[in-house]
N, C-alpha and C. Protein backbone atom coordinates (compact mmCIF):
# COMPACT_ATOMS: atom_id res chain seq x y z
N MET A 1 126.80 82.05 94.78
CA MET A 1 127.08 83.72 95.19
C MET A 1 126.68 83.85 96.97
N ARG A 2 127.56 84.66 97.24
CA ARG A 2 127.00 84.79 98.87
C ARG A 2 126.76 86.53 98.84
N ILE A 3 125.91 86.66 99.80
CA ILE A 3 125.37 88.06 100.04
C ILE A 3 125.82 88.22 101.53
N LEU A 4 126.70 89.40 101.73
CA LEU A 4 126.94 89.55 103.11
C LEU A 4 126.13 90.92 103.50
N VAL A 5 125.87 91.22 104.56
CA VAL A 5 125.03 92.41 105.21
C VAL A 5 125.73 92.68 106.42
N PHE A 6 126.34 93.82 106.20
CA PHE A 6 127.35 94.33 107.01
C PHE A 6 126.25 95.06 108.22
N VAL A 7 126.36 94.94 109.52
CA VAL A 7 125.24 95.62 110.49
C VAL A 7 126.28 95.93 111.77
N SER A 8 125.42 96.92 112.36
CA SER A 8 125.94 97.21 114.04
C SER A 8 124.70 97.23 114.69
N SER A 9 124.83 97.08 115.84
CA SER A 9 123.57 97.13 116.72
C SER A 9 123.04 98.33 117.12
N ARG A 10 123.77 99.45 116.79
CA ARG A 10 123.45 100.85 116.85
C ARG A 10 122.94 101.48 115.54
N CYS A 11 122.75 100.64 114.57
CA CYS A 11 122.51 101.23 113.25
C CYS A 11 120.75 101.01 113.25
N PRO A 12 120.02 102.15 112.84
CA PRO A 12 118.56 102.06 112.91
C PRO A 12 118.33 101.41 111.77
N HIS A 13 119.07 101.67 110.63
CA HIS A 13 118.47 101.03 109.11
C HIS A 13 118.96 99.39 108.97
N CYS A 14 119.94 98.93 110.02
CA CYS A 14 120.58 97.54 109.47
C CYS A 14 119.33 96.60 109.76
N PRO A 15 118.41 96.53 110.61
CA PRO A 15 117.44 95.46 110.90
C PRO A 15 116.49 95.43 109.25
N LYS A 16 116.53 96.66 108.61
CA LYS A 16 115.52 96.58 107.60
C LYS A 16 116.38 95.96 106.44
N ALA A 17 117.49 96.07 106.44
CA ALA A 17 118.42 95.68 105.37
C ALA A 17 118.59 94.14 105.56
N VAL A 18 118.55 93.56 106.79
CA VAL A 18 119.01 92.38 106.87
C VAL A 18 117.44 91.48 106.47
N ALA A 19 116.46 92.07 107.02
CA ALA A 19 115.00 91.44 106.84
C ALA A 19 114.89 91.50 105.10
N GLY A 20 115.07 92.59 104.57
CA GLY A 20 114.90 92.41 102.96
C GLY A 20 115.75 91.39 102.47
N VAL A 21 117.22 91.33 102.69
CA VAL A 21 117.63 90.13 102.14
C VAL A 21 117.38 88.64 102.63
N LYS A 22 116.95 88.52 103.69
CA LYS A 22 116.32 87.43 104.22
C LYS A 22 115.10 86.90 103.66
N ALA A 23 114.39 88.09 103.24
CA ALA A 23 113.25 87.67 102.33
C ALA A 23 113.29 87.30 101.08
N VAL A 24 114.43 87.97 100.45
CA VAL A 24 114.89 87.47 98.94
C VAL A 24 115.77 86.29 98.76
N ALA A 25 116.69 86.20 99.33
CA ALA A 25 117.57 85.37 99.32
C ALA A 25 117.19 83.85 98.82
N PRO A 26 116.21 83.52 99.99
CA PRO A 26 115.69 82.14 99.65
C PRO A 26 115.10 81.72 98.39
N ASP A 27 114.60 82.67 97.44
CA ASP A 27 114.04 82.70 96.20
C ASP A 27 115.15 82.16 95.22
N TYR A 28 116.57 82.41 95.55
CA TYR A 28 117.55 82.18 94.75
C TYR A 28 118.53 81.08 95.28
N ALA A 29 118.11 80.23 96.33
CA ALA A 29 118.82 79.38 96.80
C ALA A 29 119.16 78.22 95.60
N SER A 30 118.32 78.02 94.81
CA SER A 30 118.43 77.06 93.89
C SER A 30 119.65 77.35 92.82
N TYR A 31 120.22 78.75 92.88
CA TYR A 31 121.12 79.21 92.03
C TYR A 31 122.45 79.18 92.91
N GLY A 32 122.50 78.65 94.27
CA GLY A 32 123.58 78.56 95.05
C GLY A 32 123.82 80.03 95.87
N VAL A 33 122.58 80.82 96.09
CA VAL A 33 122.90 82.00 96.67
C VAL A 33 122.52 81.81 98.23
N SER A 34 123.34 82.33 99.07
CA SER A 34 123.27 82.15 100.55
C SER A 34 123.51 83.80 101.03
N PHE A 35 123.07 83.81 102.30
CA PHE A 35 123.42 85.22 102.73
C PHE A 35 123.81 85.19 104.42
N GLU A 36 124.66 86.05 104.78
CA GLU A 36 125.03 85.84 106.32
C GLU A 36 125.13 87.36 106.61
N LYS A 37 124.66 87.55 108.08
CA LYS A 37 124.92 88.91 108.56
C LYS A 37 126.21 89.19 109.24
N ILE A 38 126.75 90.11 108.93
CA ILE A 38 128.38 90.16 109.54
C ILE A 38 128.13 91.47 110.66
N ARG A 39 128.11 91.23 111.79
CA ARG A 39 128.54 92.15 112.82
C ARG A 39 129.94 92.82 112.60
N VAL A 40 129.75 94.11 112.32
CA VAL A 40 131.05 94.66 112.18
C VAL A 40 131.94 94.83 113.32
N LYS A 41 131.39 94.78 114.69
CA LYS A 41 132.22 94.86 115.97
C LYS A 41 132.97 93.33 116.33
N SER A 42 132.46 92.39 115.54
CA SER A 42 133.14 91.07 116.02
C SER A 42 134.51 91.05 115.46
N LYS A 43 135.19 90.16 115.92
CA LYS A 43 136.58 90.01 115.24
C LYS A 43 136.38 89.43 113.58
N ARG A 44 135.44 88.74 113.14
CA ARG A 44 135.46 88.44 111.75
C ARG A 44 135.22 89.59 111.00
N GLY A 45 133.96 90.18 111.65
CA GLY A 45 133.60 91.39 111.01
C GLY A 45 134.49 92.71 110.90
N LYS A 46 135.36 92.69 111.72
CA LYS A 46 136.42 93.82 111.68
C LYS A 46 137.35 93.47 110.54
N LEU A 47 137.57 91.96 110.43
CA LEU A 47 138.36 91.56 109.19
C LEU A 47 137.82 91.57 107.96
N LEU A 48 136.66 91.35 107.79
CA LEU A 48 135.92 91.54 106.60
C LEU A 48 135.67 92.95 106.25
N SER A 49 135.34 93.51 107.23
CA SER A 49 135.20 95.18 106.94
C SER A 49 136.23 95.77 106.29
N SER A 50 137.50 95.64 107.04
CA SER A 50 138.67 96.07 106.28
C SER A 50 138.90 95.30 104.90
N ARG A 51 138.95 94.36 104.57
CA ARG A 51 139.06 93.66 103.45
C ARG A 51 138.58 94.43 102.24
N TYR A 52 136.93 94.72 102.70
CA TYR A 52 135.91 95.05 101.67
C TYR A 52 135.77 96.58 101.69
N GLY A 53 136.38 97.21 102.62
CA GLY A 53 136.50 98.75 102.52
C GLY A 53 135.02 99.25 102.84
N ILE A 54 134.47 98.30 104.07
CA ILE A 54 133.18 98.96 104.47
C ILE A 54 133.06 100.30 105.34
N ARG A 55 132.59 101.31 104.88
CA ARG A 55 132.66 102.55 105.44
C ARG A 55 131.37 102.99 106.31
N SER A 56 130.34 102.38 105.22
CA SER A 56 128.91 103.05 105.95
C SER A 56 128.14 101.77 106.24
N LEU A 57 127.08 101.87 107.42
CA LEU A 57 126.10 100.77 107.46
C LEU A 57 124.49 101.14 107.33
N PRO A 58 123.91 100.26 106.88
CA PRO A 58 124.13 98.86 106.34
C PRO A 58 124.89 98.98 105.10
N THR A 59 125.74 97.88 104.73
CA THR A 59 126.03 97.64 103.38
C THR A 59 125.95 96.17 103.00
N VAL A 60 125.45 95.69 101.97
CA VAL A 60 125.00 94.46 101.34
C VAL A 60 126.02 94.05 100.31
N LEU A 61 126.90 93.23 100.47
CA LEU A 61 127.91 92.84 99.54
C LEU A 61 127.48 91.81 98.77
N PHE A 62 127.54 91.78 97.11
CA PHE A 62 127.39 90.74 96.68
C PHE A 62 128.59 89.93 96.16
N LEU A 63 128.94 88.95 96.59
CA LEU A 63 130.15 88.23 96.30
C LEU A 63 130.04 87.12 95.45
N ASP A 64 131.23 86.78 94.40
CA ASP A 64 131.22 85.55 93.88
C ASP A 64 131.79 84.42 94.46
N ASP A 65 131.88 83.07 93.97
CA ASP A 65 132.28 82.14 94.92
C ASP A 65 133.71 82.04 95.39
N GLU A 66 134.77 82.94 94.65
CA GLU A 66 135.83 83.04 95.28
C GLU A 66 135.88 84.54 96.17
N GLY A 67 134.96 85.09 96.60
CA GLY A 67 135.03 86.26 97.51
C GLY A 67 135.28 87.39 96.56
N GLY A 68 135.36 87.52 95.53
CA GLY A 68 135.48 88.76 94.79
C GLY A 68 134.15 89.60 94.66
N GLU A 69 134.08 90.72 94.83
CA GLU A 69 132.81 91.53 94.67
C GLU A 69 132.28 92.00 93.59
N LEU A 70 131.03 91.49 93.44
CA LEU A 70 130.26 91.57 92.12
C LEU A 70 129.34 92.70 92.36
N ASP A 71 128.87 93.25 93.20
CA ASP A 71 127.82 94.24 93.48
C ASP A 71 128.19 94.99 94.97
N ARG A 72 127.69 96.12 95.18
CA ARG A 72 127.50 96.40 96.79
C ARG A 72 126.14 97.62 96.55
N SER A 73 125.45 97.41 97.76
CA SER A 73 124.40 98.53 97.96
C SER A 73 124.75 98.93 99.38
N VAL A 74 124.68 100.20 99.50
CA VAL A 74 124.86 100.99 100.83
C VAL A 74 123.65 101.42 101.23
N GLY A 75 123.11 101.52 102.46
CA GLY A 75 121.94 101.74 102.96
C GLY A 75 120.92 100.46 102.94
N ALA A 76 119.78 100.61 103.34
CA ALA A 76 118.77 99.46 103.27
C ALA A 76 117.90 99.48 102.09
N PRO A 77 118.47 98.49 101.26
CA PRO A 77 117.70 98.55 99.71
C PRO A 77 116.46 97.90 99.66
N ARG A 78 115.76 98.44 98.64
CA ARG A 78 114.27 97.81 98.27
C ARG A 78 114.68 96.32 97.92
N GLU A 79 113.49 95.52 98.16
CA GLU A 79 113.39 94.07 97.59
C GLU A 79 113.62 94.10 96.12
N SER A 80 113.14 95.09 95.47
CA SER A 80 113.00 95.06 93.98
C SER A 80 114.62 95.26 93.61
N SER A 81 115.37 96.31 94.43
CA SER A 81 116.82 96.55 93.92
C SER A 81 117.50 95.18 94.30
N LEU A 82 117.19 94.73 95.40
CA LEU A 82 118.02 93.46 95.72
C LEU A 82 117.93 92.21 94.67
N ARG A 83 116.68 92.27 94.25
CA ARG A 83 116.11 91.16 93.04
C ARG A 83 117.05 91.58 92.02
N ASP A 84 117.15 92.72 91.41
CA ASP A 84 117.76 93.41 90.28
C ASP A 84 119.25 93.08 90.36
N LYS A 85 119.94 93.20 91.55
CA LYS A 85 121.30 93.11 91.76
C LYS A 85 121.85 91.60 91.57
N ILE A 86 120.81 90.62 92.36
CA ILE A 86 120.95 89.33 92.28
C ILE A 86 121.06 88.93 90.93
N GLU A 87 119.92 89.12 90.31
CA GLU A 87 119.66 88.59 88.92
C GLU A 87 120.78 88.95 87.96
N LYS A 88 120.94 90.18 88.23
CA LYS A 88 122.17 90.81 87.25
C LYS A 88 123.56 90.05 87.43
N SER A 89 123.83 89.93 88.80
CA SER A 89 125.06 89.40 89.09
C SER A 89 125.08 87.72 88.52
N LEU A 90 123.77 87.09 88.82
CA LEU A 90 123.71 85.63 88.39
C LEU A 90 123.75 85.46 86.67
N GLY A 91 123.29 86.56 86.20
CA GLY A 91 123.26 86.63 84.72
C GLY A 91 121.79 86.21 84.41
N ILE A 92 120.92 85.96 85.28
CA ILE A 92 119.59 85.78 84.94
C ILE A 92 118.35 86.95 84.61
N LYS A 93 118.75 88.12 84.63
CA LYS A 93 118.10 89.25 84.86
C LYS A 93 117.22 89.15 83.32
N LYS A 94 115.75 89.11 83.45
CA LYS A 94 115.08 89.44 82.24
C LYS A 94 114.87 90.87 81.86
N SER A 95 114.75 90.90 80.63
CA SER A 95 114.35 92.24 79.77
C SER A 95 112.85 92.49 80.38
N PHE A 96 112.70 94.02 80.37
CA PHE A 96 111.20 94.24 80.41
C PHE A 96 110.35 93.86 79.56
N MET A 97 110.64 93.37 78.23
CA MET A 97 109.64 92.79 77.70
C MET A 97 109.40 91.14 77.92
N ASP A 98 110.21 90.58 78.10
CA ASP A 98 110.26 89.06 78.68
C ASP A 98 109.32 89.19 80.00
N LYS A 99 109.38 90.05 80.80
CA LYS A 99 108.44 90.12 82.14
C LYS A 99 107.19 90.35 81.83
N ILE A 100 107.06 91.32 80.82
CA ILE A 100 105.52 91.75 80.37
C ILE A 100 105.22 90.59 79.38
N LEU A 101 105.73 89.73 78.75
CA LEU A 101 105.28 88.54 78.07
C LEU A 101 105.37 87.35 78.71
N GLY A 102 105.97 87.28 79.88
CA GLY A 102 105.85 86.17 80.36
C GLY A 102 106.94 85.09 80.06
N ARG A 103 107.94 85.55 79.31
CA ARG A 103 108.71 84.61 78.77
C ARG A 103 110.05 84.19 79.83
N LYS A 104 110.57 83.06 79.74
CA LYS A 104 111.39 82.48 80.54
C LYS A 104 112.71 82.75 79.74
């Protein structure tokens, strides 16, 4: 899974979104999760923004290996929200009781 964080240098919330993803993504590297910051003003950023219909910044996209969109978060998401979306997309999300009882 790839996580793309769409940002702009003029966006006051973008650094927080990048920091959140940067803090969480390494915990899922063993599942093949990687992340990339996409500057929307760059040539590649313009192409990807158009392809995925990015209208607000920051936007965090969760993509499968073929580039299909699994989920999206607009704004600077909390780390807990990022973890939930990643785990849901990977199919490893634990139930509340599993978390409480420490089950794997």
